[in-house]
Amino acid sequence: MATTADDLIDRRRLRRKLTFWRVAALAVAAVAIVGTALVFYGDAGKSVDHIAKVKIEGTILEDEELLKRLDDIRKSSTVKGVILSIDSPGGTTAGGEAIFDAVRALAAEKPVVAQVGTLAASAGYMIASATDHIVARKSSIVGSIGVLAQFPNFSGLMDKIGITLDEVKSSPLKAEPSPFNPTTEDERAMIRSMILDSYDWFVGIVTDRRPLTRPEVLALADGSVFTGRQALDKKLIDGLGGEKEAVAWLSGKGVSGRLEVIEWKPEDDDSSWLFSRSVANAVGEMIGLPGAGGDVLRETGADRLFLDGLVSVWHP
């Protein structure tokens, strides 16, 4: 009987091991299937004529991958029109400028329309203005034309806890403004000069791209934001609606409305599709882990707290 009991225990252990490896094999197979589908079928639609869709979301930075993607779209013979789906509060002015220039280069060869989702403010609106037509929802938020620079001042805290800063520098404005001492008028004048220069450039962009005179743009460029309906009345956008209306505008530019809209997604940094972000997200969703691989800072907007340089961003 002892031998029989031992045999039963061994069989149960073996059965559990087999079950584990079967589940593991199924998981690997699922990853392989998803990865293969993404690799071999994800780009299949791009080989035929289509409308390319590019999502520009979150904080605007100088995104080399996005710039390359826009250039690839420009060079693609099968892309007949482009929809920029924008949902952004803005970001750095340099990032907005780089994407603005890339969109203008794209629009020189293919019709490009901006479709505003929840928000296209500051550098987000700057990018939208690079397109030849802007549509937004009635309740979208649009505008916030302007530039700012923000820097903390820890000098009060340093005084309270008894910390002083000693420094030797070549000139009074070197490395200023500093969070370790109060800002002087000369320092403020230096920063203000840069802000006003970038602001003048931003206003010039909107004046060139929108059916507005410079005085009209200046009247709107006080940092105010507007609903889609208000923005239409103020000529900051051209129409109300979503992707359907964006496609309709492209149809008026000779792009067949029957063409499929295909999103050109970011390329994964990893060389192996098995460990790519897209596969990780897909498998994560399959097993009930929403947001797998997501960037928490980006999702919460906390990344905007760490922007360097001049920024054009709306902080609600």
Protein backbone atom coordinates (compact mmCIF):
# COMPACT_ATOMS: atom_id res chain seq x y z
CA MET A 1 0.00 0.00 0.00
CA ALA A 2 2.88 2.34 0.76
CA THR A 3 4.26 1.82 -2.70
CA THR A 4 0.84 2.53 -4.22
CA ALA A 5 0.51 5.74 -2.22
CA ASP A 6 3.96 6.88 -3.30
CA ASP A 7 3.06 6.16 -6.91
CA LEU A 8 -0.09 8.25 -6.61
CA ILE A 9 1.85 11.17 -5.14
CA ASP A 10 4.46 10.95 -7.91
CA ARG A 11 1.75 10.85 -10.55
CA ARG A 12 0.07 13.93 -9.10
CA ARG A 13 3.37 15.81 -9.04
CA LEU A 14 4.03 14.80 -12.63
CA ARG A 15 0.53 15.86 -13.62
CA ARG A 16 1.02 19.28 -12.01
CA LYS A 17 4.33 19.74 -13.79
CA LEU A 18 2.78 18.77 -17.12
CA THR A 19 -0.07 21.20 -16.52
CA PHE A 20 2.39 24.00 -15.75
CA TRP A 21 4.41 23.41 -18.89
CA ARG A 22 1.28 23.13 -21.02
CA VAL A 23 0.10 26.52 -19.74
CA ALA A 24 3.57 27.97 -20.30
CA ALA A 25 3.63 26.56 -23.84
CA LEU A 26 0.22 28.07 -24.55
CA ALA A 27 1.41 31.45 -23.24
CA VAL A 28 4.49 31.36 -25.46
CA ALA A 29 2.34 30.33 -28.41
CA ALA A 30 -0.02 33.25 -27.72
CA VAL A 31 2.90 35.67 -27.66
CA ALA A 32 4.21 34.18 -30.90
CA ILE A 33 0.82 34.46 -32.60
CA VAL A 34 0.31 38.05 -31.49
CA GLY A 35 3.86 39.00 -32.45
CA THR A 36 3.60 37.34 -35.84
CA ALA A 37 0.30 39.07 -36.52
CA LEU A 38 1.75 42.44 -35.57
CA VAL A 39 4.86 41.94 -37.67
CA PHE A 40 3.35 40.42 -40.78
CA TYR A 41 -0.12 41.97 -40.80
CA GLY A 42 0.37 45.26 -38.98
CA ASP A 43 2.03 46.88 -42.00
CA ALA A 44 0.15 44.95 -44.65
CA GLY A 45 -2.34 47.75 -45.23
CA LYS A 46 0.45 50.26 -45.83
CA SER A 47 1.38 48.55 -49.09
CA VAL A 48 -1.82 49.78 -50.74
CA ASP A 49 -3.19 53.30 -51.12
CA HIS A 50 -4.53 54.60 -47.81
CA ILE A 51 -4.94 57.59 -45.50
CA ALA A 52 -2.25 57.71 -42.82
CA LYS A 53 -3.23 58.62 -39.28
CA VAL A 54 -0.68 59.82 -36.73
CA LYS A 55 -1.53 60.33 -33.07
CA ILE A 56 0.24 63.18 -31.28
CA GLU A 57 -0.63 62.83 -27.62
CA GLY A 58 0.63 63.97 -24.25
CA THR A 59 3.54 66.31 -23.64
CA ILE A 60 5.27 67.62 -26.75
CA LEU A 61 9.01 66.97 -26.91
CA GLU A 62 11.53 66.83 -29.75
CA ASP A 63 10.65 63.27 -30.63
CA GLU A 64 13.13 61.85 -33.15
CA GLU A 65 11.01 58.76 -33.77
CA LEU A 66 7.94 60.87 -34.55
CA LEU A 67 9.94 63.13 -36.87
CA LYS A 68 11.23 60.08 -38.76
CA ARG A 69 7.72 58.64 -38.95
CA LEU A 70 6.37 61.85 -40.46
CA ASP A 71 9.20 61.85 -42.98
CA ASP A 72 8.52 58.20 -43.87
CA ILE A 73 4.88 59.11 -44.46
CA ARG A 74 5.99 61.97 -46.69
CA LYS A 75 8.10 59.57 -48.76
CA SER A 76 5.48 56.82 -48.96
CA SER A 77 3.86 56.56 -52.39
CA THR A 78 0.83 54.74 -50.96
CA VAL A 79 -0.11 57.50 -48.49
CA LYS A 80 -2.59 59.76 -50.24
CA GLY A 81 -3.61 61.93 -47.31
CA VAL A 82 -2.77 62.38 -43.63
CA ILE A 83 -4.79 62.90 -40.45
CA LEU A 84 -2.96 64.22 -37.40
CA SER A 85 -4.97 63.20 -34.34
CA ILE A 86 -3.93 65.70 -31.68
CA ASP A 87 -4.62 65.48 -27.96
CA SER A 88 -1.94 67.49 -26.17
CA PRO A 89 -1.60 70.32 -23.64
CA GLY A 90 1.67 71.39 -25.29
CA GLY A 91 5.26 71.02 -24.18
CA THR A 92 8.59 72.51 -25.15
CA THR A 93 8.69 75.22 -27.79
CA ALA A 94 11.66 73.49 -29.45
CA GLY A 95 9.70 70.24 -29.64
CA GLY A 96 6.69 72.03 -31.10
CA GLU A 97 8.90 73.83 -33.63
CA ALA A 98 10.53 70.60 -34.82
CA ILE A 99 7.20 68.84 -35.32
CA PHE A 100 5.69 71.98 -36.92
CA ASP A 101 8.48 72.02 -39.50
CA ALA A 102 8.07 68.29 -40.19
CA VAL A 103 4.32 68.70 -40.72
CA ARG A 104 4.86 71.64 -43.07
CA ALA A 105 7.30 69.55 -45.12
CA LEU A 106 4.71 66.77 -45.22
CA ALA A 107 1.88 69.14 -46.15
CA ALA A 108 3.95 70.43 -49.08
CA GLU A 109 3.52 67.02 -50.74
CA LYS A 110 0.29 65.54 -49.33
CA PRO A 111 -2.95 67.02 -47.94
CA VAL A 112 -2.81 67.06 -44.12
CA VAL A 113 -5.69 67.70 -41.73
CA ALA A 114 -5.63 68.03 -37.94
CA GLN A 115 -8.32 66.32 -35.88
CA VAL A 116 -8.40 67.71 -32.34
CA GLY A 117 -9.58 65.39 -29.61
CA THR A 118 -9.91 66.64 -26.06
CA LEU A 119 -7.16 69.22 -26.24
CA ALA A 120 -4.81 71.06 -28.60
CA ALA A 121 -3.24 73.81 -26.53
CA SER A 122 0.01 75.76 -26.71
CA ALA A 123 2.58 73.67 -28.63
CA GLY A 124 -0.26 71.25 -29.40
CA TYR A 125 -2.11 74.04 -31.21
CA MET A 126 1.17 75.13 -32.83
CA ILE A 127 1.39 71.69 -34.46
CA ALA A 128 -2.28 71.75 -35.48
CA SER A 129 -1.73 75.10 -37.20
CA ALA A 130 0.94 73.46 -39.39
CA THR A 131 -1.80 71.49 -41.17
CA ASP A 132 -4.02 72.94 -43.90
CA HIS A 133 -7.30 72.28 -42.12
CA ILE A 134 -8.27 71.86 -38.45
CA VAL A 135 -11.40 70.16 -37.12
CA ALA A 136 -12.28 69.88 -33.44
CA ARG A 137 -15.14 68.69 -31.30
CA LYS A 138 -17.59 71.28 -30.04
CA SER A 139 -16.28 70.75 -26.53
CA SER A 140 -12.57 70.38 -27.41
CA ILE A 141 -10.15 72.83 -25.79
CA VAL A 142 -8.10 74.90 -28.23
CA GLY A 143 -5.66 77.79 -27.94
CA SER A 144 -3.37 78.88 -25.10
CA ILE A 145 -1.07 80.68 -27.53
CA GLY A 146 1.95 81.79 -25.57
CA VAL A 147 5.31 80.91 -24.02
CA LEU A 148 6.51 80.71 -20.44
CA ALA A 149 9.49 79.80 -18.29
CA GLN A 150 9.08 78.51 -14.76
CA PHE A 151 11.76 78.03 -12.14
CA PRO A 152 11.49 77.26 -8.42
CA ASN A 153 12.93 79.37 -5.62
CA PHE A 154 14.24 77.35 -2.67
CA SER A 155 16.01 80.25 -0.95
CA GLY A 156 13.34 80.59 1.76
CA LEU A 157 13.54 76.91 2.57
CA MET A 158 17.34 77.07 2.64
CA ASP A 159 17.21 79.92 5.14
CA LYS A 160 14.90 77.93 7.40
CA ILE A 161 17.08 74.84 7.49
CA GLY A 162 20.37 76.78 7.61
CA ILE A 163 21.85 75.96 4.19
CA THR A 164 23.90 78.47 2.22
CA LEU A 165 25.30 78.24 -1.30
CA ASP A 166 28.80 79.44 -2.17
CA GLU A 167 29.62 79.89 -5.84
CA VAL A 168 32.22 81.46 -8.11
CA LYS A 169 31.17 82.35 -11.66
CA SER A 170 32.40 84.32 -14.64
CA SER A 171 29.56 86.85 -14.75
CA PRO A 172 26.44 87.78 -12.76
CA LEU A 173 23.98 86.16 -15.21
CA LYS A 174 25.85 82.87 -15.55
CA ALA A 175 23.60 79.92 -14.51
CA GLU A 176 20.78 82.28 -13.60
CA PRO A 177 18.01 82.25 -12.62
CA SER A 178 18.93 79.77 -9.91
CA PRO A 179 16.57 77.98 -7.53
CA PHE A 180 19.05 78.69 -4.73
CA ASN A 181 18.68 82.49 -4.60
CA PRO A 182 15.97 85.09 -5.30
CA THR A 183 15.66 86.20 -8.92
CA THR A 184 17.04 89.66 -9.71
CA GLU A 185 15.54 92.16 -12.14
CA ASP A 186 18.43 91.62 -14.58
CA GLU A 187 17.75 87.89 -14.54
CA ARG A 188 14.05 88.45 -15.11
CA ALA A 189 14.82 90.82 -17.97
CA MET A 190 17.00 88.18 -19.64
CA ILE A 191 14.30 85.49 -19.39
CA ARG A 192 11.57 87.93 -20.41
CA SER A 193 13.54 88.84 -23.55
CA MET A 194 13.72 85.18 -24.61
CA ILE A 195 10.05 84.60 -23.86
CA LEU A 196 8.92 87.64 -25.86
CA ASP A 197 11.10 86.63 -28.80
CA SER A 198 9.60 83.12 -28.84
CA TYR A 199 6.14 84.56 -28.31
CA ASP A 200 6.61 86.86 -31.32
CA TRP A 201 7.65 83.83 -33.37
CA PHE A 202 4.60 81.83 -32.20
CA VAL A 203 2.25 84.69 -33.04
CA GLY A 204 3.90 84.93 -36.47
CA ILE A 205 3.26 81.23 -37.09
CA VAL A 206 -0.44 81.54 -36.28
CA THR A 207 -0.71 84.70 -38.39
CA ASP A 208 0.84 82.92 -41.37
CA ARG A 209 -1.24 79.77 -41.00
CA ARG A 210 -4.66 81.11 -40.04
CA PRO A 211 -7.03 83.53 -41.85
CA LEU A 212 -6.30 86.19 -39.24
CA THR A 213 -4.40 89.46 -39.16
CA ARG A 214 -1.56 89.92 -36.68
CA PRO A 215 -3.66 92.28 -34.48
CA GLU A 216 -6.43 89.66 -34.44
CA VAL A 217 -3.97 86.94 -33.41
CA LEU A 218 -2.48 89.16 -30.70
CA ALA A 219 -5.97 89.71 -29.29
CA LEU A 220 -6.34 85.91 -28.97
CA ALA A 221 -2.76 85.20 -27.91
CA ASP A 222 -3.09 86.14 -24.24
CA GLY A 223 -2.97 82.52 -23.11
CA SER A 224 -6.74 82.05 -23.32
CA VAL A 225 -8.25 78.69 -24.20
CA PHE A 226 -11.49 78.22 -26.12
CA THR A 227 -14.04 75.51 -26.79
CA GLY A 228 -14.21 74.12 -30.29
CA ARG A 229 -17.28 76.23 -31.01
CA GLN A 230 -15.56 79.38 -29.78
CA ALA A 231 -12.40 78.52 -31.68
CA LEU A 232 -14.40 78.12 -34.90
CA ASP A 233 -15.99 81.54 -34.39
CA LYS A 234 -12.54 83.04 -33.79
CA LYS A 235 -11.08 81.28 -36.87
CA LEU A 236 -8.58 79.26 -34.88
CA ILE A 237 -10.06 76.11 -36.45
CA ASP A 238 -11.91 75.43 -39.70
CA GLY A 239 -14.68 73.03 -38.76
CA LEU A 240 -16.38 70.93 -36.09
CA GLY A 241 -16.32 67.16 -35.97
CA GLY A 242 -13.98 64.20 -35.83
CA GLU A 243 -12.33 61.71 -38.16
CA LYS A 244 -15.36 61.51 -40.46
CA GLU A 245 -15.16 65.25 -41.11
CA ALA A 246 -11.38 65.05 -41.51
CA VAL A 247 -11.78 62.38 -44.20
CA ALA A 248 -14.47 64.47 -45.88
CA TRP A 249 -12.04 67.39 -46.14
CA LEU A 250 -9.39 65.12 -47.64
CA SER A 251 -11.97 63.95 -50.17
CA GLY A 252 -12.31 67.54 -51.28
CA LYS A 253 -8.56 67.54 -51.92
CA GLY A 254 -8.73 64.61 -54.33
CA VAL A 255 -8.23 61.82 -51.77
CA SER A 256 -10.77 59.04 -52.17
CA GLY A 257 -13.06 58.81 -49.18
CA ARG A 258 -13.15 55.04 -49.70
CA LEU A 259 -9.52 54.63 -48.71
CA GLU A 260 -8.87 52.94 -45.39
CA VAL A 261 -7.52 55.08 -42.53
CA ILE A 262 -4.45 53.29 -41.16
CA GLU A 263 -2.61 54.46 -38.06
CA TRP A 264 1.15 54.73 -38.40
CA LYS A 265 2.20 53.75 -34.90
CA PRO A 266 5.54 54.40 -33.19
CA GLU A 267 8.27 51.92 -33.94
CA ASP A 268 9.38 49.87 -30.95
CA ASP A 269 12.83 50.54 -29.57
CA ASP A 270 13.51 46.82 -29.06
CA SER A 271 14.95 44.98 -32.05
CA SER A 272 13.07 41.76 -31.18
CA TRP A 273 9.35 41.74 -31.79
CA LEU A 274 8.99 39.14 -29.05
CA PHE A 275 9.80 41.77 -26.42
CA SER A 276 8.38 44.82 -28.21
CA ARG A 277 6.11 47.28 -26.42
CA SER A 278 3.21 46.56 -28.78
CA VAL A 279 3.40 42.83 -28.06
CA ALA A 280 3.70 43.47 -24.33
CA ASN A 281 0.62 45.68 -24.39
CA ALA A 282 -1.37 43.18 -26.45
CA VAL A 283 -0.46 40.21 -24.26
CA GLY A 284 -1.00 42.29 -21.12
CA GLU A 285 -4.53 43.11 -22.22
CA MET A 286 -5.16 39.45 -23.08
CA ILE A 287 -4.33 38.38 -19.54
CA GLY A 288 -6.20 41.23 -17.90
CA LEU A 289 -3.43 43.76 -17.23
CA PRO A 290 -4.70 47.03 -18.76
CA GLY A 291 -2.04 49.63 -19.42
CA ALA A 292 0.82 47.13 -19.51
CA GLY A 293 3.99 48.93 -20.48
CA GLY A 294 2.40 52.34 -19.98
CA ASP A 295 4.37 55.37 -18.85
CA VAL A 296 2.86 56.47 -15.54
CA LEU A 297 4.45 59.93 -15.66
CA ARG A 298 3.12 60.55 -19.15
CA GLU A 299 -0.34 59.21 -18.32
CA THR A 300 -0.71 61.46 -15.27
CA GLY A 301 0.86 64.52 -16.87
CA ALA A 302 3.57 64.64 -14.20
CA ASP A 303 6.23 64.65 -16.92
CA ARG A 304 5.36 68.30 -17.57
CA LEU A 305 6.90 69.15 -14.20
CA PHE A 306 10.34 68.22 -15.52
CA LEU A 307 10.41 70.13 -18.84
CA ASP A 308 13.59 72.10 -19.53
CA GLY A 309 13.91 75.39 -21.40
CA LEU A 310 11.11 77.54 -22.75
CA VAL A 311 7.76 75.80 -22.80
CA SER A 312 4.44 76.36 -24.46
CA VAL A 313 2.08 74.30 -22.34
CA TRP A 314 -1.34 74.70 -20.77
CA HIS A 315 -1.49 73.79 -17.06
CA PRO A 316 -5.15 73.31 -16.13
